N, C-alpha and C. Protein backbone atom coordinates (compact mmCIF):
# COMPACT_ATOMS: atom_id res chain seq x y z
N UNK A 1 174.26 62.44 77.31
CA UNK A 1 173.57 63.34 77.68
C UNK A 1 174.00 64.48 78.69
N UNK A 2 173.47 65.53 78.14
CA UNK A 2 173.74 67.00 78.80
C UNK A 2 173.02 67.42 80.05
N UNK A 3 173.69 67.89 81.17
CA UNK A 3 173.20 68.20 82.38
C UNK A 3 173.45 69.62 82.26
N UNK A 4 172.28 70.41 82.66
CA UNK A 4 172.73 71.61 83.12
C UNK A 4 173.49 71.81 84.32
N UNK A 5 174.53 72.42 84.65
CA UNK A 5 175.16 73.01 85.80
C UNK A 5 174.15 73.29 86.69
N UNK A 6 172.91 73.95 86.70
CA UNK A 6 172.18 74.23 87.54
C UNK A 6 171.69 73.12 88.55
N UNK A 7 171.73 71.88 88.04
CA UNK A 7 170.81 70.62 88.78
C UNK A 7 171.92 70.37 89.53
N UNK A 8 173.14 70.52 89.70
CA UNK A 8 174.23 70.42 90.68
C UNK A 8 174.62 71.57 91.82
N UNK A 9 174.03 72.51 91.77
CA UNK A 9 174.13 73.86 92.40
C UNK A 9 173.25 73.58 93.76
N UNK A 10 173.91 73.25 94.77
CA UNK A 10 173.08 73.04 95.86
C UNK A 10 173.22 74.20 97.17
N UNK A 11 171.81 74.79 97.72
CA UNK A 11 172.11 75.79 98.41
C UNK A 11 172.05 75.22 99.75
N UNK A 12 172.97 76.46 100.62
CA UNK A 12 173.53 76.12 101.93
C UNK A 12 173.35 77.08 102.87
N UNK A 13 173.13 77.02 104.11
CA UNK A 13 173.56 78.11 105.43
C UNK A 13 174.71 77.47 106.31
N UNK A 14 175.03 78.25 106.49
CA UNK A 14 176.32 78.18 107.28
C UNK A 14 176.46 79.48 108.58
N UNK A 15 176.90 79.22 109.45
CA UNK A 15 177.18 79.97 110.47
C UNK A 15 178.67 79.79 111.27
N UNK A 16 179.31 80.81 111.69
CA UNK A 16 180.52 80.40 112.26
C UNK A 16 180.55 81.54 113.93
N UNK A 17 180.70 80.83 114.67
CA UNK A 17 180.41 81.34 116.26
C UNK A 17 182.09 81.93 116.43
N UNK A 18 182.14 83.03 116.73
CA UNK A 18 183.00 83.71 117.05
C UNK A 18 183.62 83.80 118.67
N UNK A 19 184.80 84.03 118.88
CA UNK A 19 185.19 84.11 120.21
C UNK A 19 184.28 85.19 120.93
N UNK A 20 183.86 86.10 120.61
CA UNK A 20 183.04 86.77 120.87
C UNK A 20 181.69 87.15 121.16
N UNK A 21 181.17 85.76 120.82
CA UNK A 21 179.88 85.32 120.84
C UNK A 21 179.00 85.92 119.50
N UNK A 22 179.52 86.30 118.78
CA UNK A 22 178.83 86.70 117.22
C UNK A 22 178.76 85.38 116.33
N UNK A 23 177.53 85.39 115.89
CA UNK A 23 177.27 84.10 115.00
C UNK A 23 177.07 85.09 113.48
N UNK A 24 178.22 84.70 112.75
CA UNK A 24 178.10 85.23 111.31
C UNK A 24 177.53 84.29 110.45
N UNK A 25 176.27 84.57 109.89
CA UNK A 25 175.57 83.80 108.85
C UNK A 25 176.10 84.02 107.63
N UNK A 26 175.93 83.05 106.94
CA UNK A 26 176.24 82.63 105.40
C UNK A 26 175.16 81.90 105.15
N UNK A 27 174.76 82.20 103.60
CA UNK A 27 173.55 81.83 102.74
C UNK A 27 173.80 82.08 101.50
N UNK A 28 173.80 80.79 100.93
CA UNK A 28 173.62 80.95 99.20
C UNK A 28 172.68 80.27 98.57
N UNK A 29 171.63 80.85 97.89
CA UNK A 29 170.78 80.17 97.21
C UNK A 29 170.89 80.32 95.87
N UNK A 30 170.60 79.54 94.87
CA UNK A 30 170.69 79.86 93.41
C UNK A 30 169.49 80.25 93.03
N UNK A 31 169.40 80.93 91.65
CA UNK A 31 168.21 81.43 91.26
C UNK A 31 167.21 80.24 91.14
N UNK A 32 167.00 79.21 90.57
CA UNK A 32 166.26 78.17 90.80
C UNK A 32 165.50 77.66 91.98
N UNK A 33 166.16 78.54 93.13
CA UNK A 33 165.46 78.30 94.41
C UNK A 33 164.85 79.70 94.78
N UNK A 34 165.19 80.81 94.07
CA UNK A 34 164.65 82.14 94.83
C UNK A 34 163.06 81.86 94.65
N UNK A 35 162.42 82.71 95.85
CA UNK A 35 161.10 82.95 95.58
C UNK A 35 160.05 81.71 96.06
N UNK A 36 160.76 80.63 96.76
CA UNK A 36 159.99 79.58 97.03
C UNK A 36 159.70 79.24 98.68
N UNK A 37 160.56 80.25 99.54
CA UNK A 37 160.57 80.39 100.89
C UNK A 37 161.86 79.42 101.28
N UNK A 38 162.61 78.95 100.45
CA UNK A 38 163.50 77.83 100.99
C UNK A 38 164.64 78.74 102.05
N UNK A 39 165.11 79.98 101.68
CA UNK A 39 165.96 80.23 102.37
C UNK A 39 165.52 80.94 103.70
N UNK A 40 164.38 81.68 103.69
CA UNK A 40 163.75 81.97 105.02
C UNK A 40 163.54 80.82 105.96
N UNK A 41 163.14 79.62 105.52
CA UNK A 41 162.89 78.51 106.69
C UNK A 41 164.33 78.08 106.64
N UNK A 42 165.33 77.65 105.70
CA UNK A 42 166.75 77.44 106.18
C UNK A 42 167.53 78.27 106.90
N UNK A 43 167.29 79.32 106.79
CA UNK A 43 168.09 80.38 107.83
C UNK A 43 167.55 80.50 109.30
N UNK A 44 166.00 80.40 109.13
CA UNK A 44 165.10 80.57 110.07
C UNK A 44 165.56 79.30 111.29
N UNK A 45 165.72 78.12 110.71
CA UNK A 45 166.16 76.81 111.23
C UNK A 45 167.54 77.11 111.78
N UNK A 46 168.28 77.57 110.81
CA UNK A 46 170.05 77.80 111.47
C UNK A 46 169.73 78.54 112.93
N UNK A 47 168.91 79.53 112.85
CA UNK A 47 168.84 80.64 113.78
C UNK A 47 168.48 79.82 115.11
N UNK A 48 167.29 79.54 114.86
CA UNK A 48 166.57 78.54 115.89
C UNK A 48 167.75 77.33 116.85
N UNK A 49 168.58 76.89 115.93
CA UNK A 49 169.67 75.85 116.40
C UNK A 49 170.48 76.38 117.20
N UNK A 50 171.10 77.82 116.85
CA UNK A 50 171.71 78.06 117.43
C UNK A 50 171.67 78.90 118.75
N UNK A 51 170.29 79.16 118.56
CA UNK A 51 169.76 79.85 119.85
C UNK A 51 169.66 79.02 121.10
N UNK A 52 169.04 77.78 120.57
CA UNK A 52 169.28 76.26 121.71
C UNK A 52 170.38 75.89 121.79
N UNK A 53 171.45 76.11 121.38
CA UNK A 53 172.56 75.29 121.48
C UNK A 53 173.73 76.64 122.12
N UNK A 54 173.44 77.68 121.87
CA UNK A 54 174.58 78.80 122.56
C UNK A 54 173.78 79.61 123.04
N UNK A 55 174.37 80.62 123.95
CA UNK A 55 173.56 81.53 124.86
C UNK A 55 174.05 83.04 124.33
N UNK A 56 173.33 83.79 124.72
CA UNK A 56 173.59 85.09 124.23
C UNK A 56 174.50 85.55 123.11
N UNK A 57 174.09 84.85 121.94
CA UNK A 57 174.71 85.16 120.27
C UNK A 57 174.13 86.53 119.97
N UNK A 58 175.24 86.89 119.42
CA UNK A 58 174.78 88.50 118.36
C UNK A 58 175.35 88.02 116.89
N UNK A 59 173.86 87.85 116.30
CA UNK A 59 173.73 87.54 115.05
C UNK A 59 173.97 88.87 114.38
N UNK A 60 175.03 88.32 113.04
CA UNK A 60 175.52 89.13 112.18
C UNK A 60 175.22 88.54 110.73
N UNK A 61 175.30 89.21 109.39
CA UNK A 61 175.44 88.98 108.37
C UNK A 61 175.54 90.14 107.53
N UNK A 62 176.70 90.01 106.36
CA UNK A 62 177.16 90.82 105.27
C UNK A 62 176.34 90.66 104.43
N UNK A 63 175.76 91.81 103.41
CA UNK A 63 175.14 91.59 102.37
C UNK A 63 175.35 92.61 101.32
N UNK A 64 175.46 92.52 99.91
CA UNK A 64 175.59 93.28 98.95
C UNK A 64 174.42 94.38 99.23
N UNK A 65 174.61 95.40 98.85
CA UNK A 65 173.46 96.57 99.25
C UNK A 65 172.52 96.15 98.07
N UNK A 66 173.34 95.87 96.92
CA UNK A 66 172.28 95.62 95.85
C UNK A 66 171.30 94.40 95.82
N UNK A 67 171.41 93.72 96.82
CA UNK A 67 171.06 92.36 96.92
C UNK A 67 169.71 92.30 97.70
N UNK A 68 168.89 92.79 96.96
CA UNK A 68 167.37 93.27 97.87
C UNK A 68 166.84 92.30 98.29
N UNK A 69 166.12 91.27 97.47
CA UNK A 69 166.01 89.61 98.00
C UNK A 69 166.43 89.34 99.75
N UNK A 70 168.02 89.41 99.55
CA UNK A 70 168.62 88.96 100.65
C UNK A 70 168.49 89.91 101.94
N UNK A 71 168.41 91.16 101.24
CA UNK A 71 168.01 92.47 102.35
C UNK A 71 166.56 92.33 103.18
N UNK A 72 165.71 91.76 102.35
CA UNK A 72 164.30 91.79 102.77
C UNK A 72 164.39 90.20 103.20
N UNK A 73 164.84 89.26 103.00
CA UNK A 73 164.99 88.09 103.88
C UNK A 73 165.44 88.03 105.28
N UNK A 74 166.42 88.96 105.68
CA UNK A 74 166.74 89.39 107.03
C UNK A 74 166.21 90.22 107.68
N UNK A 75 165.54 91.70 106.98
CA UNK A 75 164.68 92.02 107.53
C UNK A 75 163.31 91.26 108.31
N UNK A 76 162.80 90.19 107.56
CA UNK A 76 161.89 89.33 107.80
C UNK A 76 162.28 88.49 108.78
N UNK A 77 163.38 88.59 109.17
CA UNK A 77 164.10 87.42 110.27
C UNK A 77 164.55 88.46 111.56
N UNK A 78 164.30 89.60 111.30
CA UNK A 78 164.48 90.85 112.49
C UNK A 78 165.92 91.36 112.55
N UNK A 79 166.48 90.86 111.34
CA UNK A 79 167.84 92.04 111.47
C UNK A 79 167.51 93.51 111.29
N UNK A 80 168.41 94.06 111.68
CA UNK A 80 168.31 95.30 111.26
C UNK A 80 169.84 96.20 110.44
N UNK A 81 169.57 97.05 109.57
CA UNK A 81 170.78 97.78 108.91
C UNK A 81 171.72 98.32 110.04
N UNK A 82 172.80 98.06 110.00
CA UNK A 82 173.64 98.56 110.79
C UNK A 82 174.95 99.74 110.39
N UNK A 83 175.53 99.00 109.59
CA UNK A 83 176.63 99.65 108.95
C UNK A 83 177.12 99.43 107.49
N UNK A 84 177.66 100.22 106.97
CA UNK A 84 178.03 100.23 105.42
C UNK A 84 179.09 100.46 105.46
N UNK A 85 179.72 99.95 104.57
CA UNK A 85 181.33 100.14 104.32
C UNK A 85 181.87 100.55 102.87
C-alpha cells in the first residue's frame, strides 16, 4: 500500500522569545492546508497565548517577499512590513 508523503506532513506554528522581548514567529503549512483558514487561526492562537503569558512583546516574522499568501496572513493579523534585505 503506497502512501503519499503529503499525508505525513503536519503544519506547525512556533515562537522564539528573545532576550530583548521579541517574539519571532515561524509557521509552516503545506499546500493541502492552504486556503482553509488553518494558518490564520493557528498563528492567532499562538499570538494570543504569548500576549497572555508574556508582557510587552514585539512580534516579528520573516517572510519571503514572493510568498504573497504569507504576507496577506501577516497583514490580516496586524503586522506591517518594515525591512527588506
